[in-house]
Amino acid sequence: MHAWDYVHIDGLGEKRTNLYHYACNASLVSAGLRPSFLVEKGNFNKEYWEGAKSHIHSQLFNAEDPMHLYDYIELDQNILVLPSFTSWVKILDKVDFYEQLIKVVGEFSKNPNDTNLGRVLGFDCASEIPIPKPNFIVTLRLKDGIDIVTQICKKKEKALLAYEKMDEMKNHLDKLRDEGHWPGLPAITLRIIPNH
């Protein structure tokens, strides 16, 4: 986990000491629990963006790593991190899922809107975007208040589906900490918040 220690100022002007939420998302992608995640420029103070982007890139795309677990696409100065063909097809044997992801990414590249981006990111509520006033917010969050994954949903059924999938993500991350692989990982909470 310490490789993800990185002092920076976030997009809201708050001082942060790490990039653990990106490490968590990378682990979820490599485990096949999430199809992709987005590193957003807006999450960083503009003076810290290039350094943070370089640090994240060096952690995810280690040239010495023979597995090459991740690929990426730059989207309007943001970075969409995807699983590599090697990681999902050869390691996880998820050929159909990988082919579906590539199809969805292709649809997004032809029509880059929030709904298609939500589908690329694996959001169960993507079909409900835009949501003028969400009824439910489902969040997987580190103890320090940084979200790992957040979904906004209009329908309760979609929110419960998102919660179920995110519970599997939480279990995966808790296991990494509890078994000593990531001893520095803070506690993680999962909540469904009604927004009435």
C-alpha atoms as a PDB file:
ATOM      1  CA  MET A   1       0.000   0.000   0.000  1.00  0.00           C
ATOM      2  CA  HIS A   2       2.829   2.408   0.745  1.00  0.00           C
ATOM      3  CA  ALA A   3       3.628   2.684  -2.956  1.00  0.00           C
ATOM      4  CA  TRP A   4       0.312   4.561  -3.177  1.00  0.00           C
ATOM      5  CA  ASP A   5       1.282   7.118  -0.526  1.00  0.00           C
ATOM      6  CA  TYR A   6       1.276  10.455  -2.316  1.00  0.00           C
ATOM      7  CA  VAL A   7       0.711  13.827  -0.677  1.00  0.00           C
ATOM      8  CA  HIS A   8      -1.416  16.111  -2.819  1.00  0.00           C
ATOM      9  CA  ILE A   9      -4.212  18.664  -2.777  1.00  0.00           C
ATOM     10  CA  ASP A  10      -7.503  17.358  -4.132  1.00  0.00           C
ATOM     11  CA  GLY A  11      -9.968  19.200  -6.365  1.00  0.00           C
ATOM     12  CA  LEU A  12     -11.757  20.633  -3.311  1.00  0.00           C
ATOM     13  CA  GLY A  13      -8.545  22.058  -1.842  1.00  0.00           C
ATOM     14  CA  GLU A  14      -8.150  19.357   0.832  1.00  0.00           C
ATOM     15  CA  LYS A  15      -4.731  17.906   1.629  1.00  0.00           C
ATOM     16  CA  ARG A  16      -4.602  14.138   1.021  1.00  0.00           C
ATOM     17  CA  THR A  17      -1.790  11.750   1.902  1.00  0.00           C
ATOM     18  CA  ASN A  18      -2.473   8.827  -0.417  1.00  0.00           C
ATOM     19  CA  LEU A  19      -4.101   7.490  -3.557  1.00  0.00           C
ATOM     20  CA  TYR A  20      -5.450   4.306  -1.955  1.00  0.00           C
ATOM     21  CA  HIS A  21      -8.821   4.568  -3.682  1.00  0.00           C
ATOM     22  CA  TYR A  22      -7.057   4.177  -7.039  1.00  0.00           C
ATOM     23  CA  ALA A  23      -5.160   1.133  -5.735  1.00  0.00           C
ATOM     24  CA  CYS A  24      -8.494  -0.318  -4.618  1.00  0.00           C
ATOM     25  CA  ASN A  25     -10.102   0.310  -7.996  1.00  0.00           C
ATOM     26  CA  ALA A  26      -7.113  -1.219  -9.797  1.00  0.00           C
ATOM     27  CA  SER A  27      -7.428  -4.327  -7.641  1.00  0.00           C
ATOM     28  CA  LEU A  28     -11.158  -4.547  -8.392  1.00  0.00           C
ATOM     29  CA  VAL A  29     -10.427  -4.375 -12.129  1.00  0.00           C
ATOM     30  CA  SER A  30      -7.662  -6.993 -12.006  1.00  0.00           C
ATOM     31  CA  ALA A  31      -9.928  -9.298  -9.956  1.00  0.00           C
ATOM     32  CA  GLY A  32     -12.713  -8.945 -12.531  1.00  0.00           C
ATOM     33  CA  LEU A  33     -15.073  -7.245 -10.058  1.00  0.00           C
ATOM     34  CA  ARG A  34     -15.198  -3.950 -11.934  1.00  0.00           C
ATOM     35  CA  PRO A  35     -14.746  -3.430 -15.675  1.00  0.00           C
ATOM     36  CA  SER A  36     -12.858  -0.123 -15.492  1.00  0.00           C
ATOM     37  CA  PHE A  37     -12.375   3.052 -13.489  1.00  0.00           C
ATOM     38  CA  LEU A  38     -11.716   6.699 -14.202  1.00  0.00           C
ATOM     39  CA  VAL A  39      -8.862   8.854 -12.925  1.00  0.00           C
ATOM     40  CA  GLU A  40     -10.370  12.327 -13.145  1.00  0.00           C
ATOM     41  CA  LYS A  41      -8.338  15.486 -13.483  1.00  0.00           C
ATOM     42  CA  GLY A  42     -11.029  17.335 -11.499  1.00  0.00           C
ATOM     43  CA  ASN A  43     -10.187  15.246  -8.413  1.00  0.00           C
ATOM     44  CA  PHE A  44      -6.852  17.062  -8.130  1.00  0.00           C
ATOM     45  CA  ASN A  45      -5.787  20.646  -7.645  1.00  0.00           C
ATOM     46  CA  LYS A  46      -4.457  21.694 -11.064  1.00  0.00           C
ATOM     47  CA  GLU A  47      -0.930  22.100  -9.661  1.00  0.00           C
ATOM     48  CA  TYR A  48      -0.897  18.445  -8.569  1.00  0.00           C
ATOM     49  CA  TRP A  49      -2.532  16.784 -11.584  1.00  0.00           C
ATOM     50  CA  GLU A  50       0.572  16.013 -13.672  1.00  0.00           C
ATOM     51  CA  GLY A  51       2.506  14.620 -10.697  1.00  0.00           C
ATOM     52  CA  ALA A  52      -0.439  12.534  -9.503  1.00  0.00           C
ATOM     53  CA  LYS A  53      -1.112  11.249 -13.019  1.00  0.00           C
ATOM     54  CA  SER A  54       2.547  10.256 -13.373  1.00  0.00           C
ATOM     55  CA  HIS A  55       2.530   8.513  -9.968  1.00  0.00           C
ATOM     56  CA  ILE A  56      -0.644   6.555 -10.759  1.00  0.00           C
ATOM     57  CA  HIS A  57       0.717   5.646 -14.187  1.00  0.00           C
ATOM     58  CA  SER A  58       3.975   4.342 -12.680  1.00  0.00           C
ATOM     59  CA  GLN A  59       2.041   2.142 -10.212  1.00  0.00           C
ATOM     60  CA  LEU A  60      -0.349   0.697 -12.793  1.00  0.00           C
ATOM     61  CA  PHE A  61       1.885   0.363 -15.828  1.00  0.00           C
ATOM     62  CA  ASN A  62       5.117  -1.011 -14.429  1.00  0.00           C
ATOM     63  CA  ALA A  63       7.308  -1.883 -17.411  1.00  0.00           C
ATOM     64  CA  GLU A  64       8.851  -4.770 -15.463  1.00  0.00           C
ATOM     65  CA  ASP A  65       5.471  -6.420 -14.893  1.00  0.00           C
ATOM     66  CA  PRO A  66       5.224  -9.304 -17.375  1.00  0.00           C
ATOM     67  CA  MET A  67       1.448  -9.579 -16.918  1.00  0.00           C
ATOM     68  CA  HIS A  68       0.542  -6.078 -18.148  1.00  0.00           C
ATOM     69  CA  LEU A  69      -2.734  -6.104 -16.220  1.00  0.00           C
ATOM     70  CA  TYR A  70      -4.041  -2.726 -17.381  1.00  0.00           C
ATOM     71  CA  ASP A  71      -4.607  -0.675 -20.497  1.00  0.00           C
ATOM     72  CA  TYR A  72      -5.807   2.909 -20.600  1.00  0.00           C
ATOM     73  CA  ILE A  73      -7.545   5.440 -22.795  1.00  0.00           C
ATOM     74  CA  GLU A  74      -7.158   9.190 -22.344  1.00  0.00           C
ATOM     75  CA  LEU A  75     -10.527  10.950 -22.314  1.00  0.00           C
ATOM     76  CA  ASP A  76     -10.433  14.735 -22.331  1.00  0.00           C
ATOM     77  CA  GLN A  77      -7.445  14.796 -19.932  1.00  0.00           C
ATOM     78  CA  ASN A  78      -8.955  12.068 -17.735  1.00  0.00           C
ATOM     79  CA  ILE A  79      -7.675   8.492 -17.787  1.00  0.00           C
ATOM     80  CA  LEU A  80      -9.954   5.482 -18.232  1.00  0.00           C
ATOM     81  CA  VAL A  81      -8.173   2.421 -16.828  1.00  0.00           C
ATOM     82  CA  LEU A  82      -9.259  -0.894 -18.343  1.00  0.00           C
ATOM     83  CA  PRO A  83      -8.188  -4.489 -17.878  1.00  0.00           C
ATOM     84  CA  SER A  84      -5.720  -5.748 -20.445  1.00  0.00           C
ATOM     85  CA  PHE A  85      -6.530  -8.615 -22.759  1.00  0.00           C
ATOM     86  CA  THR A  86      -3.950 -10.660 -20.841  1.00  0.00           C
ATOM     87  CA  SER A  87      -5.495 -10.103 -17.436  1.00  0.00           C
ATOM     88  CA  TRP A  88      -9.139 -10.828 -18.293  1.00  0.00           C
ATOM     89  CA  VAL A  89      -8.842 -13.379 -21.057  1.00  0.00           C
ATOM     90  CA  LYS A  90      -5.714 -15.344 -20.204  1.00  0.00           C
ATOM     91  CA  ILE A  91      -5.763 -15.032 -16.400  1.00  0.00           C
ATOM     92  CA  LEU A  92      -9.441 -14.747 -15.436  1.00  0.00           C
ATOM     93  CA  ASP A  93     -10.852 -16.601 -18.442  1.00  0.00           C
ATOM     94  CA  LYS A  94     -13.494 -13.898 -18.965  1.00  0.00           C
ATOM     95  CA  VAL A  95     -13.489 -13.817 -22.769  1.00  0.00           C
ATOM     96  CA  ASP A  96     -17.202 -12.959 -23.149  1.00  0.00           C
ATOM     97  CA  PHE A  97     -17.052 -10.241 -20.524  1.00  0.00           C
ATOM     98  CA  TYR A  98     -13.926  -8.695 -22.082  1.00  0.00           C
ATOM     99  CA  GLU A  99     -15.513  -8.729 -25.560  1.00  0.00           C
ATOM    100  CA  GLN A 100     -18.645  -7.068 -24.126  1.00  0.00           C
ATOM    101  CA  LEU A 101     -16.504  -4.392 -22.444  1.00  0.00           C
ATOM    102  CA  ILE A 102     -14.685  -3.648 -25.700  1.00  0.00           C
ATOM    103  CA  LYS A 103     -18.082  -3.332 -27.442  1.00  0.00           C
ATOM    104  CA  VAL A 104     -19.323  -0.885 -24.777  1.00  0.00           C
ATOM    105  CA  VAL A 105     -16.088   1.133 -25.010  1.00  0.00           C
ATOM    106  CA  GLY A 106     -16.612   1.292 -28.783  1.00  0.00           C
ATOM    107  CA  GLU A 107     -20.163   2.584 -28.272  1.00  0.00           C
ATOM    108  CA  PHE A 108     -18.838   5.187 -25.840  1.00  0.00           C
ATOM    109  CA  SER A 109     -16.155   6.325 -28.308  1.00  0.00           C
ATOM    110  CA  LYS A 110     -18.858   6.834 -30.992  1.00  0.00           C
ATOM    111  CA  ASN A 111     -21.265   8.547 -28.592  1.00  0.00           C
ATOM    112  CA  PRO A 112     -19.405   9.879 -25.524  1.00  0.00           C
ATOM    113  CA  ASN A 113     -22.167  10.671 -23.065  1.00  0.00           C
ATOM    114  CA  ASP A 114     -22.691  10.051 -19.343  1.00  0.00           C
ATOM    115  CA  THR A 115     -24.905   7.001 -19.889  1.00  0.00           C
ATOM    116  CA  ASN A 116     -22.320   5.244 -22.061  1.00  0.00           C
ATOM    117  CA  LEU A 117     -19.497   6.192 -19.694  1.00  0.00           C
ATOM    118  CA  GLY A 118     -21.540   4.763 -16.800  1.00  0.00           C
ATOM    119  CA  ARG A 119     -21.891   1.511 -18.731  1.00  0.00           C
ATOM    120  CA  VAL A 120     -18.112   1.396 -19.355  1.00  0.00           C
ATOM    121  CA  LEU A 121     -17.532   1.903 -15.618  1.00  0.00           C
ATOM    122  CA  GLY A 122     -19.967  -0.918 -14.796  1.00  0.00           C
ATOM    123  CA  PHE A 123     -22.583   1.209 -13.084  1.00  0.00           C
ATOM    124  CA  ASP A 124     -25.856  -0.675 -12.655  1.00  0.00           C
ATOM    125  CA  CYS A 125     -27.775   2.604 -12.719  1.00  0.00           C
ATOM    126  CA  ALA A 126     -26.178   3.907 -15.948  1.00  0.00           C
ATOM    127  CA  SER A 127     -29.451   3.530 -17.861  1.00  0.00           C
ATOM    128  CA  GLU A 128     -31.058   5.981 -15.407  1.00  0.00           C
ATOM    129  CA  ILE A 129     -28.548   8.775 -16.221  1.00  0.00           C
ATOM    130  CA  PRO A 130     -29.175  11.665 -16.160  1.00  0.00           C
ATOM    131  CA  ILE A 131     -30.927  11.534 -12.831  1.00  0.00           C
ATOM    132  CA  PRO A 132     -32.355  14.935 -11.857  1.00  0.00           C
ATOM    133  CA  LYS A 133     -32.757  13.865  -8.220  1.00  0.00           C
ATOM    134  CA  PRO A 134     -31.417  10.446  -7.273  1.00  0.00           C
ATOM    135  CA  ASN A 135     -33.440   8.493  -4.736  1.00  0.00           C
ATOM    136  CA  PHE A 136     -30.502   6.358  -3.589  1.00  0.00           C
ATOM    137  CA  ILE A 137     -26.748   6.805  -3.292  1.00  0.00           C
ATOM    138  CA  VAL A 138     -24.708   3.614  -2.926  1.00  0.00           C
ATOM    139  CA  THR A 139     -21.163   4.223  -1.759  1.00  0.00           C
ATOM    140  CA  LEU A 140     -18.101   2.112  -1.018  1.00  0.00           C
ATOM    141  CA  ARG A 141     -15.831   4.396   0.998  1.00  0.00           C
ATOM    142  CA  LEU A 142     -12.502   4.389   2.785  1.00  0.00           C
ATOM    143  CA  LYS A 143     -12.466   5.404   6.449  1.00  0.00           C
ATOM    144  CA  ASP A 144     -10.847   8.737   5.523  1.00  0.00           C
ATOM    145  CA  GLY A 145     -14.003   9.686   3.600  1.00  0.00           C
ATOM    146  CA  ILE A 146     -12.700   9.044   0.080  1.00  0.00           C
ATOM    147  CA  ASP A 147     -15.084   7.119  -2.166  1.00  0.00           C
ATOM    148  CA  ILE A 148     -13.834   4.042  -3.963  1.00  0.00           C
ATOM    149  CA  VAL A 149     -17.056   3.564  -5.949  1.00  0.00           C
ATOM    150  CA  THR A 150     -20.276   5.580  -5.809  1.00  0.00           C
ATOM    151  CA  GLN A 151     -23.454   4.963  -7.751  1.00  0.00           C
ATOM    152  CA  ILE A 152     -26.500   7.168  -7.863  1.00  0.00           C
ATOM    153  CA  CYS A 153     -29.760   5.389  -8.572  1.00  0.00           C
ATOM    154  CA  LYS A 154     -33.359   6.352  -9.117  1.00  0.00           C
ATOM    155  CA  LYS A 155     -34.909   2.917  -8.582  1.00  0.00           C
ATOM    156  CA  LYS A 156     -34.608   0.885  -5.400  1.00  0.00           C
ATOM    157  CA  GLU A 157     -34.106  -2.373  -7.354  1.00  0.00           C
ATOM    158  CA  LYS A 158     -31.092  -0.916  -9.181  1.00  0.00           C
ATOM    159  CA  ALA A 159     -29.683   0.432  -5.915  1.00  0.00           C
ATOM    160  CA  LEU A 160     -29.984  -3.002  -4.294  1.00  0.00           C
ATOM    161  CA  LEU A 161     -28.267  -4.624  -7.276  1.00  0.00           C
ATOM    162  CA  ALA A 162     -25.455  -2.053  -7.041  1.00  0.00           C
ATOM    163  CA  TYR A 163     -25.186  -2.699  -3.287  1.00  0.00           C
ATOM    164  CA  GLU A 164     -24.908  -6.452  -3.823  1.00  0.00           C
ATOM    165  CA  LYS A 165     -22.070  -6.063  -6.351  1.00  0.00           C
ATOM    166  CA  MET A 166     -20.298  -3.487  -4.206  1.00  0.00           C
ATOM    167  CA  ASP A 167     -20.540  -5.819  -1.207  1.00  0.00           C
ATOM    168  CA  GLU A 168     -18.533  -8.344  -3.220  1.00  0.00           C
ATOM    169  CA  MET A 169     -15.990  -5.584  -3.920  1.00  0.00           C
ATOM    170  CA  LYS A 170     -15.806  -4.726  -0.213  1.00  0.00           C
ATOM    171  CA  ASN A 171     -15.240  -8.371   0.704  1.00  0.00           C
ATOM    172  CA  HIS A 172     -12.383  -8.583  -1.809  1.00  0.00           C
ATOM    173  CA  LEU A 173     -10.665  -5.474  -0.411  1.00  0.00           C
ATOM    174  CA  ASP A 174     -11.241  -6.481   3.232  1.00  0.00           C
ATOM    175  CA  LYS A 175      -9.668  -9.849   2.462  1.00  0.00           C
ATOM    176  CA  LEU A 176      -6.555  -8.162   1.017  1.00  0.00           C
ATOM    177  CA  ARG A 177      -6.160  -6.189   4.257  1.00  0.00           C
ATOM    178  CA  ASP A 178      -7.082  -9.004   6.644  1.00  0.00           C
ATOM    179  CA  GLU A 179      -4.748 -11.529   5.026  1.00  0.00           C
ATOM    180  CA  GLY A 180      -1.823  -9.091   5.261  1.00  0.00           C
ATOM    181  CA  HIS A 181      -1.448  -8.237   1.573  1.00  0.00           C
ATOM    182  CA  TRP A 182      -2.455  -4.602   2.210  1.00  0.00           C
ATOM    183  CA  PRO A 183      -2.027  -4.111   5.961  1.00  0.00           C
ATOM    184  CA  GLY A 184      -2.162  -0.303   5.645  1.00  0.00           C
ATOM    185  CA  LEU A 185      -5.547  -0.243   3.945  1.00  0.00           C
ATOM    186  CA  PRO A 186      -8.026   1.709   6.093  1.00  0.00           C
ATOM    187  CA  ALA A 187     -11.417   0.306   7.039  1.00  0.00           C
ATOM    188  CA  ILE A 188     -14.030   0.330   4.280  1.00  0.00           C
ATOM    189  CA  THR A 189     -17.734   1.041   4.636  1.00  0.00           C
ATOM    190  CA  LEU A 190     -20.582   0.241   2.271  1.00  0.00           C
ATOM    191  CA  ARG A 191     -23.844   2.159   2.526  1.00  0.00           C
ATOM    192  CA  ILE A 192     -27.096   2.728   0.711  1.00  0.00           C
ATOM    193  CA  ILE A 193     -28.274   6.227   1.482  1.00  0.00           C
ATOM    194  CA  PRO A 194     -31.870   7.168   0.711  1.00  0.00           C
ATOM    195  CA  ASN A 195     -31.970  10.666  -0.767  1.00  0.00           C
ATOM    196  CA  HIS A 196     -35.505  11.882  -0.048  1.00  0.00           C
END
